[in-house]
Each structure stands twice: as C-alpha cells, then as structure tokens.
C-alpha atoms as a PDB file:
ATOM      1  CA  MET A   1     -12.573  -7.730  -4.448  1.00  0.00           C
ATOM      2  CA  GLN A   2      -9.830  -9.144  -2.244  1.00  0.00           C
ATOM      3  CA  ALA A   3      -7.900  -7.657   0.671  1.00  0.00           C
ATOM      4  CA  VAL A   4      -4.473  -8.923   1.699  1.00  0.00           C
ATOM      5  CA  ILE A   5      -3.456  -8.369   5.318  1.00  0.00           C
ATOM      6  CA  LEU A   6       0.212  -8.833   6.211  1.00  0.00           C
ATOM      7  CA  ALA A   7       0.209 -10.663   9.546  1.00  0.00           C
ATOM      8  CA  ALA A   8       3.319 -12.869   9.534  1.00  0.00           C
ATOM      9  CA  GLY A   9       5.746 -10.979  11.787  1.00  0.00           C
ATOM     10  CA  ARG A  10       6.252 -11.307  15.514  1.00  0.00           C
ATOM     11  CA  GLY A  11       6.579  -7.610  16.273  1.00  0.00           C
ATOM     12  CA  THR A  12       9.885  -7.769  18.155  1.00  0.00           C
ATOM     13  CA  ARG A  13       9.561  -4.153  19.354  1.00  0.00           C
ATOM     14  CA  MET A  14       6.499  -5.192  21.368  1.00  0.00           C
ATOM     15  CA  ASP A  15       8.880  -6.991  23.789  1.00  0.00           C
ATOM     16  CA  GLU A  16       7.319  -9.796  25.860  1.00  0.00           C
ATOM     17  CA  LEU A  17       3.774  -8.943  24.701  1.00  0.00           C
ATOM     18  CA  THR A  18       4.310 -11.140  21.634  1.00  0.00           C
ATOM     19  CA  THR A  19       5.788 -14.162  23.416  1.00  0.00           C
ATOM     20  CA  ALA A  20       2.486 -16.078  23.454  1.00  0.00           C
ATOM     21  CA  VAL A  21       0.510 -14.253  20.744  1.00  0.00           C
ATOM     22  CA  PRO A  22       1.518 -12.722  17.397  1.00  0.00           C
ATOM     23  CA  LYS A  23       1.424  -8.918  17.257  1.00  0.00           C
ATOM     24  CA  PRO A  24      -1.777  -8.765  15.122  1.00  0.00           C
ATOM     25  CA  MET A  25      -3.635 -10.573  17.946  1.00  0.00           C
ATOM     26  CA  LEU A  26      -2.689  -8.097  20.688  1.00  0.00           C
ATOM     27  CA  ASP A  27      -5.726  -6.660  22.436  1.00  0.00           C
ATOM     28  CA  LEU A  28      -6.800  -3.055  22.025  1.00  0.00           C
ATOM     29  CA  ARG A  29      -9.959  -2.063  23.900  1.00  0.00           C
ATOM     30  CA  GLY A  30     -11.386  -5.590  23.762  1.00  0.00           C
ATOM     31  CA  LYS A  31     -10.564  -6.381  20.129  1.00  0.00           C
ATOM     32  CA  SER A  32      -7.446  -7.747  18.433  1.00  0.00           C
ATOM     33  CA  LEU A  33      -5.476  -5.378  16.226  1.00  0.00           C
ATOM     34  CA  LEU A  34      -6.304  -7.665  13.311  1.00  0.00           C
ATOM     35  CA  GLN A  35     -10.035  -7.465  13.892  1.00  0.00           C
ATOM     36  CA  TYR A  36      -9.902  -3.672  13.543  1.00  0.00           C
ATOM     37  CA  LYS A  37      -8.741  -4.231   9.949  1.00  0.00           C
ATOM     38  CA  LEU A  38     -11.527  -6.707   9.220  1.00  0.00           C
ATOM     39  CA  ASP A  39     -14.144  -4.389  10.747  1.00  0.00           C
ATOM     40  CA  ALA A  40     -12.926  -1.491   8.569  1.00  0.00           C
ATOM     41  CA  LEU A  41     -13.273  -3.337   5.241  1.00  0.00           C
ATOM     42  CA  PRO A  42     -16.001  -2.106   2.886  1.00  0.00           C
ATOM     43  CA  GLU A  43     -18.743  -4.377   1.546  1.00  0.00           C
ATOM     44  CA  MET A  44     -16.990  -4.785  -1.826  1.00  0.00           C
ATOM     45  CA  ILE A  45     -14.306  -6.919  -0.131  1.00  0.00           C
ATOM     46  CA  ASP A  46     -15.578 -10.503  -0.275  1.00  0.00           C
ATOM     47  CA  GLU A  47     -12.363 -12.381   0.480  1.00  0.00           C
ATOM     48  CA  VAL A  48      -9.572 -11.706   2.964  1.00  0.00           C
ATOM     49  CA  ILE A  49      -6.157 -13.264   2.469  1.00  0.00           C
ATOM     50  CA  LEU A  50      -4.109 -13.353   5.663  1.00  0.00           C
ATOM     51  CA  ILE A  51      -0.353 -13.747   5.208  1.00  0.00           C
ATOM     52  CA  VAL A  52       0.649 -15.546   8.409  1.00  0.00           C
ATOM     53  CA  GLY A  53       3.879 -16.849   9.916  1.00  0.00           C
ATOM     54  CA  TYR A  54       4.760 -16.419  13.591  1.00  0.00           C
ATOM     55  CA  LEU A  55       2.247 -18.322  15.812  1.00  0.00           C
ATOM     56  CA  SER A  56      -0.102 -18.601  12.821  1.00  0.00           C
ATOM     57  CA  ALA A  57      -2.231 -21.224  14.617  1.00  0.00           C
ATOM     58  CA  VAL A  58      -3.469 -18.528  17.044  1.00  0.00           C
ATOM     59  CA  ILE A  59      -4.788 -16.434  14.136  1.00  0.00           C
ATOM     60  CA  LYS A  60      -6.303 -19.402  12.266  1.00  0.00           C
ATOM     61  CA  LYS A  61      -8.091 -20.688  15.359  1.00  0.00           C
ATOM     62  CA  HIS A  62      -9.614 -17.297  16.105  1.00  0.00           C
ATOM     63  CA  PHE A  63     -10.850 -16.317  12.610  1.00  0.00           C
ATOM     64  CA  GLY A  64     -11.413 -19.701  10.947  1.00  0.00           C
ATOM     65  CA  GLU A  65     -12.300 -20.025   7.262  1.00  0.00           C
ATOM     66  CA  SER A  66     -14.878 -17.239   7.290  1.00  0.00           C
ATOM     67  CA  PHE A  67     -15.384 -14.228   9.521  1.00  0.00           C
ATOM     68  CA  GLU A  68     -18.500 -12.064   9.633  1.00  0.00           C
ATOM     69  CA  GLY A  69     -19.664 -13.316   6.241  1.00  0.00           C
ATOM     70  CA  ARG A  70     -16.313 -13.010   4.435  1.00  0.00           C
ATOM     71  CA  LYS A  71     -14.181 -15.861   3.176  1.00  0.00           C
ATOM     72  CA  VAL A  72     -10.794 -15.997   4.918  1.00  0.00           C
ATOM     73  CA  ARG A  73      -7.826 -17.671   3.252  1.00  0.00           C
ATOM     74  CA  TYR A  74      -4.411 -18.208   4.850  1.00  0.00           C
ATOM     75  CA  VAL A  75      -1.038 -18.095   3.119  1.00  0.00           C
ATOM     76  CA  GLU A  76       2.056 -19.064   5.114  1.00  0.00           C
ATOM     77  CA  GLN A  77       5.173 -16.924   4.814  1.00  0.00           C
ATOM     78  CA  GLY A  78       7.680 -19.489   6.056  1.00  0.00           C
ATOM     79  CA  LYS A  79      10.802 -17.409   5.462  1.00  0.00           C
ATOM     80  CA  LEU A  80      10.264 -13.804   6.532  1.00  0.00           C
ATOM     81  CA  ASP A  81      11.735 -12.161   3.436  1.00  0.00           C
ATOM     82  CA  GLY A  82      10.000  -8.792   3.643  1.00  0.00           C
ATOM     83  CA  THR A  83       6.635  -7.258   2.794  1.00  0.00           C
ATOM     84  CA  ALA A  84       6.995  -7.839  -0.961  1.00  0.00           C
ATOM     85  CA  GLY A  85       8.041 -11.417  -0.216  1.00  0.00           C
ATOM     86  CA  ALA A  86       4.859 -11.782   1.838  1.00  0.00           C
ATOM     87  CA  LEU A  87       2.578 -10.456  -0.928  1.00  0.00           C
ATOM     88  CA  TRP A  88       4.277 -12.603  -3.587  1.00  0.00           C
ATOM     89  CA  LYS A  89       3.294 -15.710  -1.587  1.00  0.00           C
ATOM     90  CA  ALA A  90      -0.328 -14.863  -2.436  1.00  0.00           C
ATOM     91  CA  ARG A  91       0.213 -14.034  -6.120  1.00  0.00           C
ATOM     92  CA  ASP A  92      -1.462 -17.279  -7.330  1.00  0.00           C
ATOM     93  CA  VAL A  93      -4.732 -16.484  -5.536  1.00  0.00           C
ATOM     94  CA  LEU A  94      -4.962 -12.764  -6.338  1.00  0.00           C
ATOM     95  CA  ARG A  95      -6.922 -11.513  -9.324  1.00  0.00           C
ATOM     96  CA  GLY A  96      -7.573  -7.970 -10.593  1.00  0.00           C
ATOM     97  CA  ARG A  97      -7.501  -5.139  -8.059  1.00  0.00           C
ATOM     98  CA  PHE A  98      -6.785  -5.819  -4.389  1.00  0.00           C
ATOM     99  CA  LEU A  99      -6.021  -3.970  -1.167  1.00  0.00           C
ATOM    100  CA  VAL A 100      -2.876  -4.560   0.900  1.00  0.00           C
ATOM    101  CA  MET A 101      -2.521  -3.417   4.505  1.00  0.00           C
ATOM    102  CA  ASN A 102      -0.561  -4.124   7.679  1.00  0.00           C
ATOM    103  CA  ALA A 103      -2.261  -6.264  10.315  1.00  0.00           C
ATOM    104  CA  ASP A 104      -1.210  -4.114  13.243  1.00  0.00           C
ATOM    105  CA  ASP A 105      -1.876  -0.467  12.338  1.00  0.00           C
ATOM    106  CA  ILE A 106      -5.349   1.069  12.760  1.00  0.00           C
ATOM    107  CA  TYR A 107      -7.144   2.406   9.669  1.00  0.00           C
ATOM    108  CA  SER A 108     -10.612   3.989   9.507  1.00  0.00           C
ATOM    109  CA  ALA A 109     -13.412   2.480   7.407  1.00  0.00           C
ATOM    110  CA  GLU A 110     -13.693   5.792   5.478  1.00  0.00           C
ATOM    111  CA  ASP A 111     -10.023   5.649   4.494  1.00  0.00           C
ATOM    112  CA  VAL A 112     -10.207   2.020   3.387  1.00  0.00           C
ATOM    113  CA  LEU A 113     -13.245   2.847   1.235  1.00  0.00           C
ATOM    114  CA  ALA A 114     -11.450   5.839  -0.334  1.00  0.00           C
ATOM    115  CA  VAL A 115      -8.397   3.727  -1.202  1.00  0.00           C
ATOM    116  CA  ALA A 116     -10.544   0.896  -2.627  1.00  0.00           C
ATOM    117  CA  ALA A 117     -12.661   3.213  -4.852  1.00  0.00           C
ATOM    118  CA  PRO A 118     -12.886   2.472  -8.603  1.00  0.00           C
ATOM    119  CA  GLY A 119     -10.163   3.781 -10.929  1.00  0.00           C
ATOM    120  CA  ASP A 120      -7.153   2.715 -13.013  1.00  0.00           C
ATOM    121  CA  ALA A 121      -4.386   4.121 -10.792  1.00  0.00           C
ATOM    122  CA  TRP A 122      -2.768   2.391  -7.870  1.00  0.00           C
ATOM    123  CA  ARG A 123      -3.194   4.183  -4.534  1.00  0.00           C
ATOM    124  CA  LEU A 124      -1.319   4.711  -1.274  1.00  0.00           C
ATOM    125  CA  LEU A 125      -2.829   6.048   1.941  1.00  0.00           C
ATOM    126  CA  VAL A 126      -0.588   8.829   3.282  1.00  0.00           C
ATOM    127  CA  GLN A 127      -0.582  11.042   6.361  1.00  0.00           C
ATOM    128  CA  GLN A 128       1.192  14.315   7.095  1.00  0.00           C
ATOM    129  CA  LYS A 129       3.364  13.686  10.163  1.00  0.00           C
ATOM    130  CA  GLU A 130       5.096  16.117  12.482  1.00  0.00           C
ATOM    131  CA  HIS A 131       7.707  13.447  13.217  1.00  0.00           C
ATOM    132  CA  LEU A 132       8.328  10.770  10.573  1.00  0.00           C
ATOM    133  CA  TYR A 133      10.677   8.626  12.715  1.00  0.00           C
ATOM    134  CA  ARG A 134      10.585   5.194  11.009  1.00  0.00           C
ATOM    135  CA  SER A 135       7.631   5.810   8.679  1.00  0.00           C
ATOM    136  CA  GLY A 136       8.339   5.678   4.954  1.00  0.00           C
ATOM    137  CA  SER A 137       8.783   9.235   3.647  1.00  0.00           C
ATOM    138  CA  VAL A 138       6.553   9.747   0.596  1.00  0.00           C
ATOM    139  CA  GLU A 139       7.778  12.011  -2.213  1.00  0.00           C
ATOM    140  CA  LEU A 140       5.405  13.372  -4.871  1.00  0.00           C
ATOM    141  CA  ASP A 141       6.110  14.392  -8.463  1.00  0.00           C
ATOM    142  CA  ASP A 142       5.016  17.680 -10.111  1.00  0.00           C
ATOM    143  CA  GLU A 143       1.546  16.241 -10.807  1.00  0.00           C
ATOM    144  CA  GLY A 144       1.056  15.181  -7.192  1.00  0.00           C
ATOM    145  CA  TYR A 145       1.513  11.434  -7.727  1.00  0.00           C
ATOM    146  CA  VAL A 146       3.796   9.276  -5.565  1.00  0.00           C
ATOM    147  CA  SER A 147       7.308   9.200  -7.055  1.00  0.00           C
ATOM    148  CA  ALA A 148       9.280   7.621  -4.174  1.00  0.00           C
ATOM    149  CA  ILE A 149       8.905   6.087  -0.729  1.00  0.00           C
ATOM    150  CA  VAL A 150      12.107   6.472   1.258  1.00  0.00           C
ATOM    151  CA  GLU A 151      12.394   4.105   4.223  1.00  0.00           C
ATOM    152  CA  GLY A 152      14.772   4.383   7.174  1.00  0.00           C
ATOM    153  CA  ASP A 153      14.983   6.405  10.370  1.00  0.00           C
ATOM    154  CA  HIS A 154      13.997   9.972   9.541  1.00  0.00           C
ATOM    155  CA  GLU A 155      14.300  10.995  13.192  1.00  0.00           C
ATOM    156  CA  ASP A 156      12.339  14.161  14.010  1.00  0.00           C
ATOM    157  CA  ARG A 157      11.857  15.340  10.445  1.00  0.00           C
ATOM    158  CA  SER A 158       8.283  16.169   9.394  1.00  0.00           C
ATOM    159  CA  GLY A 159       6.822  14.994   6.108  1.00  0.00           C
ATOM    160  CA  LEU A 160       4.311  12.831   4.307  1.00  0.00           C
ATOM    161  CA  GLY A 161       4.307   9.358   5.849  1.00  0.00           C
ATOM    162  CA  SER A 162       3.340   6.082   4.150  1.00  0.00           C
ATOM    163  CA  THR A 163       0.677   4.085   6.023  1.00  0.00           C
ATOM    164  CA  ASN A 164       1.550   0.963   3.979  1.00  0.00           C
ATOM    165  CA  MET A 165      -2.052   0.614   2.769  1.00  0.00           C
ATOM    166  CA  PHE A 166      -2.013   0.147  -0.993  1.00  0.00           C
ATOM    167  CA  LEU A 167      -4.525  -0.459  -3.733  1.00  0.00           C
ATOM    168  CA  LEU A 168      -2.740  -2.533  -6.404  1.00  0.00           C
ATOM    169  CA  ASP A 169      -3.599  -5.020  -9.127  1.00  0.00           C
ATOM    170  CA  ASP A 170      -2.127  -8.236 -10.504  1.00  0.00           C
ATOM    171  CA  ARG A 171      -0.002  -6.362 -13.089  1.00  0.00           C
ATOM    172  CA  LEU A 172       2.420  -5.871 -10.193  1.00  0.00           C
ATOM    173  CA  PHE A 173       3.467  -9.532 -10.385  1.00  0.00           C
ATOM    174  CA  SER A 174       4.861  -9.085 -13.913  1.00  0.00           C
ATOM    175  CA  GLN A 175       7.650  -7.068 -12.286  1.00  0.00           C
ATOM    176  CA  PRO A 176      10.564  -8.226 -10.101  1.00  0.00           C
ATOM    177  CA  MET A 177      10.619  -7.742  -6.345  1.00  0.00           C
ATOM    178  CA  VAL A 178      13.020  -5.036  -5.142  1.00  0.00           C
ATOM    179  CA  ARG A 179      15.218  -5.376  -2.056  1.00  0.00           C
ATOM    180  CA  ILE A 180      14.764  -2.853   0.763  1.00  0.00           C
ATOM    181  CA  ARG A 181      18.335  -1.823   0.024  1.00  0.00           C
ATOM    182  CA  GLU A 182      21.199  -3.373  -1.849  1.00  0.00           C
ATOM    183  CA  GLY A 183      22.623  -6.487  -0.207  1.00  0.00           C
ATOM    184  CA  TYR A 184      19.675  -6.682   2.222  1.00  0.00           C
ATOM    185  CA  PRO A 185      17.872 -10.064   2.451  1.00  0.00           C
ATOM    186  CA  GLU A 186      14.320  -8.640   2.545  1.00  0.00           C
ATOM    187  CA  PHE A 187      12.195  -7.435  -0.360  1.00  0.00           C
ATOM    188  CA  GLY A 188      10.189  -4.273   0.377  1.00  0.00           C
ATOM    189  CA  LEU A 189       6.685  -3.691  -0.943  1.00  0.00           C
ATOM    190  CA  PRO A 190       7.077   0.128  -1.123  1.00  0.00           C
ATOM    191  CA  GLN A 191      10.298  -0.179  -3.149  1.00  0.00           C
ATOM    192  CA  THR A 192       8.755  -2.843  -5.398  1.00  0.00           C
ATOM    193  CA  VAL A 193       5.518  -0.891  -6.019  1.00  0.00           C
ATOM    194  CA  VAL A 194       7.354   2.347  -6.899  1.00  0.00           C
ATOM    195  CA  ALA A 195       9.712   0.545  -9.306  1.00  0.00           C
ATOM    196  CA  ALA A 196       6.825  -1.381 -10.916  1.00  0.00           C
ATOM    197  CA  SER A 197       4.721   1.786 -11.332  1.00  0.00           C
ATOM    198  CA  ARG A 198       7.585   3.436 -13.212  1.00  0.00           C
ATOM    199  CA  SER A 199       8.205   0.404 -15.387  1.00  0.00           C
ATOM    200  CA  LEU A 200       4.512  -0.177 -16.188  1.00  0.00           C
ATOM    201  CA  GLY A 201       3.542   3.500 -16.455  1.00  0.00           C
ATOM    202  CA  ILE A 202       0.918   3.242 -13.710  1.00  0.00           C
ATOM    203  CA  LYS A 203       0.290   6.305 -11.525  1.00  0.00           C
ATOM    204  CA  ILE A 204       0.217   5.957  -7.717  1.00  0.00           C
ATOM    205  CA  GLU A 205      -2.402   8.336  -6.298  1.00  0.00           C
ATOM    206  CA  PRO A 206      -1.891   9.517  -2.720  1.00  0.00           C
ATOM    207  CA  VAL A 207      -5.039   9.350  -0.581  1.00  0.00           C
ATOM    208  CA  TYR A 208      -4.732  11.663   2.419  1.00  0.00           C
ATOM    209  CA  THR A 209      -5.786  10.757   5.952  1.00  0.00           C
ATOM    210  CA  SER A 210      -5.514  12.131   9.471  1.00  0.00           C
ATOM    211  CA  THR A 211      -6.876   9.026  11.248  1.00  0.00           C
ATOM    212  CA  TRP A 212      -4.125   6.406  10.759  1.00  0.00           C
ATOM    213  CA  ILE A 213      -2.634   5.087  14.022  1.00  0.00           C
ATOM    214  CA  GLU A 214       0.757   3.396  13.769  1.00  0.00           C
ATOM    215  CA  ILE A 215       1.432   0.597  16.271  1.00  0.00           C
ATOM    216  CA  ASN A 216       5.151  -0.054  16.780  1.00  0.00           C
ATOM    217  CA  SER A 217       5.637  -0.337  20.541  1.00  0.00           C
ATOM    218  CA  PRO A 218       3.710  -1.101  23.747  1.00  0.00           C
ATOM    219  CA  ARG A 219       3.428   2.667  24.297  1.00  0.00           C
ATOM    220  CA  ASP A 220       1.590   2.979  20.962  1.00  0.00           C
ATOM    221  CA  LEU A 221      -1.140   0.621  22.251  1.00  0.00           C
ATOM    222  CA  VAL A 222      -1.812   2.981  25.161  1.00  0.00           C
ATOM    223  CA  TYR A 223      -1.838   5.990  22.808  1.00  0.00           C
ATOM    224  CA  ALA A 224      -4.164   4.179  20.348  1.00  0.00           C
ATOM    225  CA  ALA A 225      -6.606   3.293  23.131  1.00  0.00           C
ATOM    226  CA  GLN A 226      -6.801   6.971  24.140  1.00  0.00           C
ATOM    227  CA  ILE A 227      -7.413   8.150  20.561  1.00  0.00           C
ATOM    228  CA  LEU A 228     -10.097   5.515  19.923  1.00  0.00           C
ATOM    229  CA  ALA A 229     -11.845   6.389  23.212  1.00  0.00           C
ATOM    230  CA  GLU A 230     -11.844  10.088  22.229  1.00  0.00           C
ATOM    231  CA  ARG A 231     -13.230   9.291  18.756  1.00  0.00           C
ATOM    232  CA  GLU A 232     -15.970   7.134  20.255  1.00  0.00           C
ATOM    233  CA  LYS A 233     -16.900   9.932  22.643  1.00  0.00           C
ATOM    234  CA  HIS A 234     -16.934  12.451  19.762  1.00  0.00           C
ATOM    235  CA  ASP A 235     -19.115  10.146  17.582  1.00  0.00           C
ATOM    236  CA  THR A 236     -21.565   9.629  20.468  1.00  0.00           C
ATOM    237  CA  HIS A 237     -22.047  13.371  20.836  1.00  0.00           C
ATOM    238  CA  HIS A 238     -22.578  13.995  17.092  1.00  0.00           C
END
C-alpha cells in the first residue's frame, strides 16, 4: 500500500523559519516534522510518495530513494495549485487504496493504522476541537458519514475538525478536481473528495482522534514539543 505525503509548500506562516528549509523539514525535538509521518506509518505501507516543491532538494538529500526500508518516490508540484493539484501530480503512480496526509502535522501511529484498515469506504481522520479557527469543519449526515468539509476561518467556533488525513483509492481520479471556492486558482482535496464521494456513491467514514497536533505557526512547534514530551513521560510510566 502507498502513502502520499503533501510536502510542497513553504509554510509562509512560519515566518523566517522556512527561509533556508521547507516547513516539513523543521526540527521538533530532534526530528523533522516529515520524519514523524514516516515513523507513524504502519508496516502495510511499502512505498511513500512525497509531493515536493519549495526547496525540494533539502528533502530529497535527507531521505534519498529509500528510508528505513521503504521505497521513497518524489513528485514535483511545480505550480502550487492546491492540495488536490498536488495529489493529481501523483495519479499515474498510484494504484488501489492509498493514504494521503500533510507533511507538517503530527499524527499518531495508532490513528494512521485505524485510517489505513481494510474496508470499501474512504476515510477521514477527524478531531473534536474547542476552537476550529482555520481547520476544515466536518459535517456528518444522518448515518454518521462525512457529508461536507467547510474550509475558511471559523474563528472561535467549536466543532469537528478535519486533520487532512484521508484514505482514498484510484477511483477518485475518474472525477474532476474542485476549486477551493469559485474563481479561486487552487484545487482543494477536501472539496474534491466530498464531491467525488457523492458522484461515485462512496461513503467517507470519520475516524475519531484526540492526538492530532496541527502545526501552523512557530508557536505551534513549542506547543507540539510540550505535548510530545508529556506523552513520552506518560508512556514511560505505563
């Protein structure tokens, strides 16, 4: 099974931290943000496809063509045309079911395994949030499946947030990409997946987590380091 990691952006909200390195290569407690994703992948993942763009040479030099026994393949996203645009660059090398995740956020190995589990439905990892801010707001239908992912600034509103980790399959590519909003130059993966699921009649199962850490700003790196240190301490004592 393959995993696609979206690692092409600079991360402009990280300010000068991303002048010399791309955001996925920022250090968090001695490891790059990207390596946390690779370390969390279950054994069933035998190939990792990294969608790269900004300062891609830094990523390629560090991880090479294989990393910890897994094949690593690179796909360049020259024009940054959104998360769906990024995934579509890899459509020719993807087969069957595959995972998609952001290179910068922190996911637990247990959550990745739960999302990658066998089944016919697509999946999305979701987390109940006290403050949604800029997270995609996930709406569920009467059966408890994902019916919409509304992006934008939700300010202080609470709700179910999208972690942007999906389990999909190559049926997705039979459908058109959907723009983040009308007239906008970028194509959004959440918008595209929801539209494709409706068109193809594929359910999107929510998988619930409480361990996702979103990394948007330098302050989030400090917060993430504290959470990971606390988890490590907890695991040591149990």
